């Protein structure tokens, strides 16, 4: 599926144009939580199809990660049902995207 490649390309372009990391994090669950915080909840059907759903989500759709001690106690990072998943049309008006557009326009204009 090439959609993830489009996501990756978009993230890389935003980082190149803004000269900042798009989702600052130290772990995969933390990065996922930051993406969900920005883009909205991961659709439940997508979570169910994921190979890694059992290591990243509770049955209630909450993102979680093992504690730093590595024991079986888990801590919740983000309630994945906080808001609906953002549509592409809305994402195009996000402040990060508009900043990247401005940076690209300025870069092209300066030659």
Foldseek 3Di string as FASTA:
>chain_A
DCPVVVVVVVQVLLCVLVVDHPQDDDDPLSSVQSCCVQFNADPPVVLVPDPCNVQAADPQGFGWHPPPVPDPDIDTDGRRHPDHGHDPVVVCVDPSNVSSVVSVVVVVVVD
